Protein backbone atom coordinates (compact mmCIF):
# COMPACT_ATOMS: atom_id res chain seq x y z
CA ALA A 1 188.62 -72.14 -165.16
CA LEU A 2 189.92 -68.78 -166.36
CA ARG A 3 193.54 -69.98 -165.94
CA GLN A 4 192.66 -72.74 -168.33
CA LEU A 5 191.08 -70.71 -170.46
CA ASN A 6 193.95 -68.59 -170.65
CA ALA A 7 196.28 -71.18 -171.35
CA GLU A 8 194.29 -72.08 -173.80
CA GLN A 9 194.24 -68.78 -176.04
CA ALA A 10 197.76 -68.32 -174.89
CA LEU A 11 199.12 -71.50 -177.04
CA MET A 12 196.38 -70.49 -179.85
CA LEU A 13 197.72 -66.77 -179.90
CA ASP A 14 201.18 -68.13 -179.70
CA ASN A 15 201.35 -70.18 -183.18
CA ASP A 16 204.13 -70.20 -185.61
CA LEU A 17 201.92 -69.70 -188.65
CA ILE A 18 200.05 -66.67 -188.72
CA GLY A 19 202.13 -63.74 -186.98
CA ILE A 20 199.88 -61.63 -184.15
CA ILE A 21 200.83 -58.26 -182.57
CA ARG A 22 199.42 -56.08 -180.39
CA VAL A 23 200.30 -52.24 -181.15
CA ARG A 24 199.55 -49.38 -178.59
CA ASN A 25 200.73 -45.95 -179.79
CA GLN A 26 202.79 -47.09 -182.11
CA ARG A 27 205.09 -49.44 -180.46
CA VAL A 28 204.73 -53.14 -180.57
CA ILE A 29 203.65 -54.54 -176.87
CA TRP A 30 203.06 -57.99 -177.88
CA LYS A 31 204.14 -60.71 -180.28
CA ASN A 32 203.70 -64.43 -180.90
CA ARG A 33 206.46 -66.62 -182.01
CA ALA A 34 205.60 -66.54 -186.00
CA MET A 35 206.43 -62.60 -185.79
CA ASP A 36 210.17 -64.18 -184.95
CA ARG A 37 209.83 -66.71 -188.18
CA ILE A 38 208.25 -64.11 -190.17
CA PHE A 39 210.69 -61.17 -189.74
CA GLY A 40 213.74 -62.67 -188.26
CA TYR A 41 213.76 -60.58 -184.85
CA SER A 42 213.48 -62.26 -181.59
CA GLY A 43 212.65 -62.08 -178.10
CA ALA A 44 213.52 -58.19 -176.60
CA GLU A 45 213.97 -56.77 -179.98
CA TRP A 46 210.39 -56.69 -180.85
CA ASP A 47 210.42 -54.84 -177.08
CA ASP A 48 208.60 -51.04 -177.86
CA MET A 49 209.79 -51.65 -181.23
CA PRO A 50 208.07 -48.91 -183.73
CA PRO A 51 206.37 -51.16 -186.27
CA ARG A 52 208.26 -48.61 -189.02
CA LYS A 53 211.12 -51.23 -189.00
CA LEU A 54 208.86 -53.57 -190.97
CA TYR A 55 208.52 -51.42 -193.69
CA PHE A 56 210.72 -50.25 -196.83
CA ASP A 57 210.05 -46.41 -196.62
CA ASP A 58 208.28 -43.55 -194.71
CA GLU A 59 205.97 -43.09 -197.53
CA THR A 60 204.39 -46.74 -197.75
CA PHE A 61 204.56 -47.08 -193.80
CA GLU A 62 202.62 -43.39 -193.73
CA GLY A 63 200.44 -44.30 -196.42
CA MET A 64 199.61 -47.47 -194.06
CA VAL A 65 198.88 -45.58 -191.09
CA ARG A 66 196.39 -43.10 -192.97
CA ALA A 67 194.37 -46.15 -194.58
CA ARG A 68 194.24 -48.15 -191.20
CA GLY A 69 193.39 -44.63 -189.59
CA GLU A 70 190.60 -44.12 -191.60
CA ILE A 71 189.05 -47.60 -191.34
CA PHE A 72 189.73 -47.75 -187.81
CA ARG A 73 188.19 -44.53 -186.83
CA SER A 74 184.58 -45.65 -189.00
CA GLY A 75 184.99 -48.77 -186.74
CA GLY A 76 186.22 -51.31 -189.65
CA ARG A 77 188.38 -54.04 -189.89
CA PHE A 78 191.70 -53.22 -191.90
CA ARG A 79 193.04 -55.61 -194.68
CA ARG A 80 195.62 -55.02 -197.18
CA GLN A 81 198.75 -57.23 -199.03
CA LEU A 82 201.74 -55.64 -199.06
CA LYS A 83 205.49 -56.01 -199.09
CA MET A 84 207.39 -55.28 -195.83
CA GLN A 85 210.62 -55.92 -194.96
CA ARG A 86 212.57 -58.65 -193.24
CA LYS A 87 215.46 -57.59 -190.24
CA ASP A 88 217.79 -58.63 -193.08
CA GLY A 89 216.60 -56.12 -195.64
CA THR A 90 214.79 -59.06 -197.52
CA PRO A 91 211.55 -58.37 -198.98
CA VAL A 92 208.18 -60.35 -197.46
CA TRP A 93 205.45 -60.15 -199.17
CA ILE A 94 202.18 -59.83 -196.19
CA ASP A 95 198.40 -60.27 -195.89
CA VAL A 96 197.97 -57.59 -192.99
CA HIS A 97 194.43 -57.90 -191.01
CA GLY A 98 193.84 -55.37 -188.13
CA THR A 99 190.87 -54.62 -186.00
CA LEU A 100 191.28 -51.78 -183.34
CA MET A 101 190.92 -53.20 -179.60
CA SER A 102 190.34 -49.44 -177.58
CA HIS A 103 190.66 -45.98 -178.93
CA HIS A 104 191.28 -42.76 -177.16
CA ALA A 105 190.34 -39.20 -177.63
CA ASP A 106 194.16 -38.47 -178.37
CA ASN A 107 194.43 -40.60 -181.25
CA SER A 108 196.33 -43.51 -179.63
CA GLY A 109 194.93 -46.64 -179.08
CA GLU A 110 195.64 -50.11 -179.35
CA ALA A 111 195.39 -52.31 -182.00
CA LEU A 112 195.65 -56.17 -182.79
CA VAL A 113 197.30 -56.78 -186.03
CA MET A 114 197.78 -60.87 -187.64
CA LEU A 115 200.35 -60.98 -190.28
CA SER A 116 200.18 -63.75 -192.70
CA ASP A 117 203.51 -64.73 -195.04
CA ILE A 118 202.19 -65.07 -198.42
CA THR A 119 205.47 -64.58 -199.88
CA PRO A 120 205.37 -67.75 -201.90
CA ILE A 121 201.87 -66.83 -203.27
CA LYS A 122 203.69 -63.24 -204.54
CA GLN A 123 206.23 -65.35 -206.38
CA ALA A 124 203.97 -67.83 -208.12
CA GLU A 125 201.81 -65.00 -208.98
CA GLN A 126 205.28 -63.59 -210.61
CA ALA A 127 206.26 -66.77 -211.89
CA ARG A 128 202.93 -67.20 -213.50
CA LEU A 129 203.39 -63.31 -214.96
CA GLN A 130 206.51 -64.18 -216.49
CA ALA A 131 205.56 -67.10 -217.97
CA THR A 132 202.41 -65.52 -220.10
CA GLU A 133 205.03 -62.80 -220.83
CA LEU A 134 207.24 -65.49 -222.17
CA GLN A 135 204.47 -67.34 -224.26
CA ALA A 136 203.19 -64.06 -225.68
CA GLN A 137 206.63 -62.92 -226.69
CA ASN A 138 207.15 -66.63 -228.21
CA ALA A 139 204.15 -66.18 -229.83
CA GLN A 140 205.37 -62.87 -231.51
CA LEU A 141 208.63 -64.20 -232.47
CA LEU A 142 206.78 -67.17 -234.13
CA GLU A 143 204.78 -65.07 -235.94
CA THR A 144 207.72 -62.54 -236.59
CA ASN A 145 209.53 -65.18 -237.95
CA ARG A 146 206.72 -66.86 -240.50
CA ILE A 147 206.65 -63.04 -241.77
CA LYS A 148 210.00 -63.01 -242.38
CA ASP A 149 210.53 -66.60 -244.32
CA LEU A 150 207.32 -65.62 -246.00
CA LEU A 151 208.46 -62.23 -247.06
CA LEU A 152 211.90 -63.68 -247.94
CA ALA A 153 210.26 -66.72 -250.33
CA ASN A 154 208.36 -63.67 -251.83
CA LEU A 155 211.43 -61.91 -252.54
CA SER A 156 213.48 -64.65 -253.53
CA HIS A 157 210.78 -65.56 -256.00
CA GLU A 158 210.75 -61.81 -257.17
CA LEU A 159 214.57 -61.76 -257.53
CA ARG A 160 214.82 -65.57 -258.92
CA THR A 161 212.72 -64.70 -262.35
CA PRO A 162 214.74 -61.96 -263.73
CA LEU A 163 217.87 -63.20 -262.52
CA ASN A 164 217.21 -66.52 -264.42
CA ALA A 165 216.53 -64.37 -267.72
CA MET A 166 219.68 -62.50 -267.39
CA LEU A 167 221.65 -65.82 -266.39
CA GLY A 168 220.33 -67.41 -269.57
CA PHE A 169 221.19 -64.61 -271.68
CA ALA A 170 224.53 -64.13 -270.05
CA HIS A 171 224.94 -68.28 -270.77
CA LEU A 172 223.97 -67.47 -274.52
CA LEU A 173 226.42 -64.86 -275.36
CA GLN A 174 229.16 -66.76 -273.55
CA SER A 175 228.78 -69.61 -275.59
CA GLY A 176 228.63 -67.69 -278.44
CA VAL A 177 225.42 -68.94 -279.85
CA ILE A 178 224.44 -65.20 -280.64
CA ALA A 179 227.86 -64.00 -282.28
CA PRO A 180 228.97 -60.16 -281.47
CA SER A 181 228.28 -59.19 -285.14
CA SER A 182 224.67 -60.58 -284.77
CA PRO A 183 221.64 -57.98 -284.63
CA ARG A 184 220.31 -59.89 -282.08
CA PHE A 185 223.87 -59.96 -279.44
CA ARG A 186 223.17 -56.08 -278.53
CA GLY A 187 219.46 -56.83 -277.68
CA ALA A 188 220.35 -59.92 -275.75
CA LEU A 189 223.54 -57.90 -274.21
């Protein structure tokens, strides 16, 4: 019965959807198949791997270790979404959930960490944000265009009235209706 239960649990843990790792003293001691799919490492590459390899920079990794340590010390479970990196250096968004399995006085211990690839969700969020920004920019452009058209219409009207009068006087002068010797010529001019 124990072997059967052990086999069933192994099948559940070694899935291809949710990555699961066991970490002891900041080293991977076990991983499931999903970790290979999510991060691109395989087989022996995981053996004794420092989890730091999965982060883009030391600052992000150290911040994660500090935050996780504080939660673990208080007996809580850790959860966060963050951008990590695959073996080929490409980014992958991960929903991380971890719990401390054992803790020792020297701050060593063992944790079980589950990781879900949420990259498609983050990409969809980014696309929605970009669409919203584009809609706002489009609305701004439409409003700017409306104001420009209004300004040009007003400006055109304001210029057309005096220009029409000037054209009328110029026609009168050119047609000879007002003779150059006439006292009205100078006023028209």
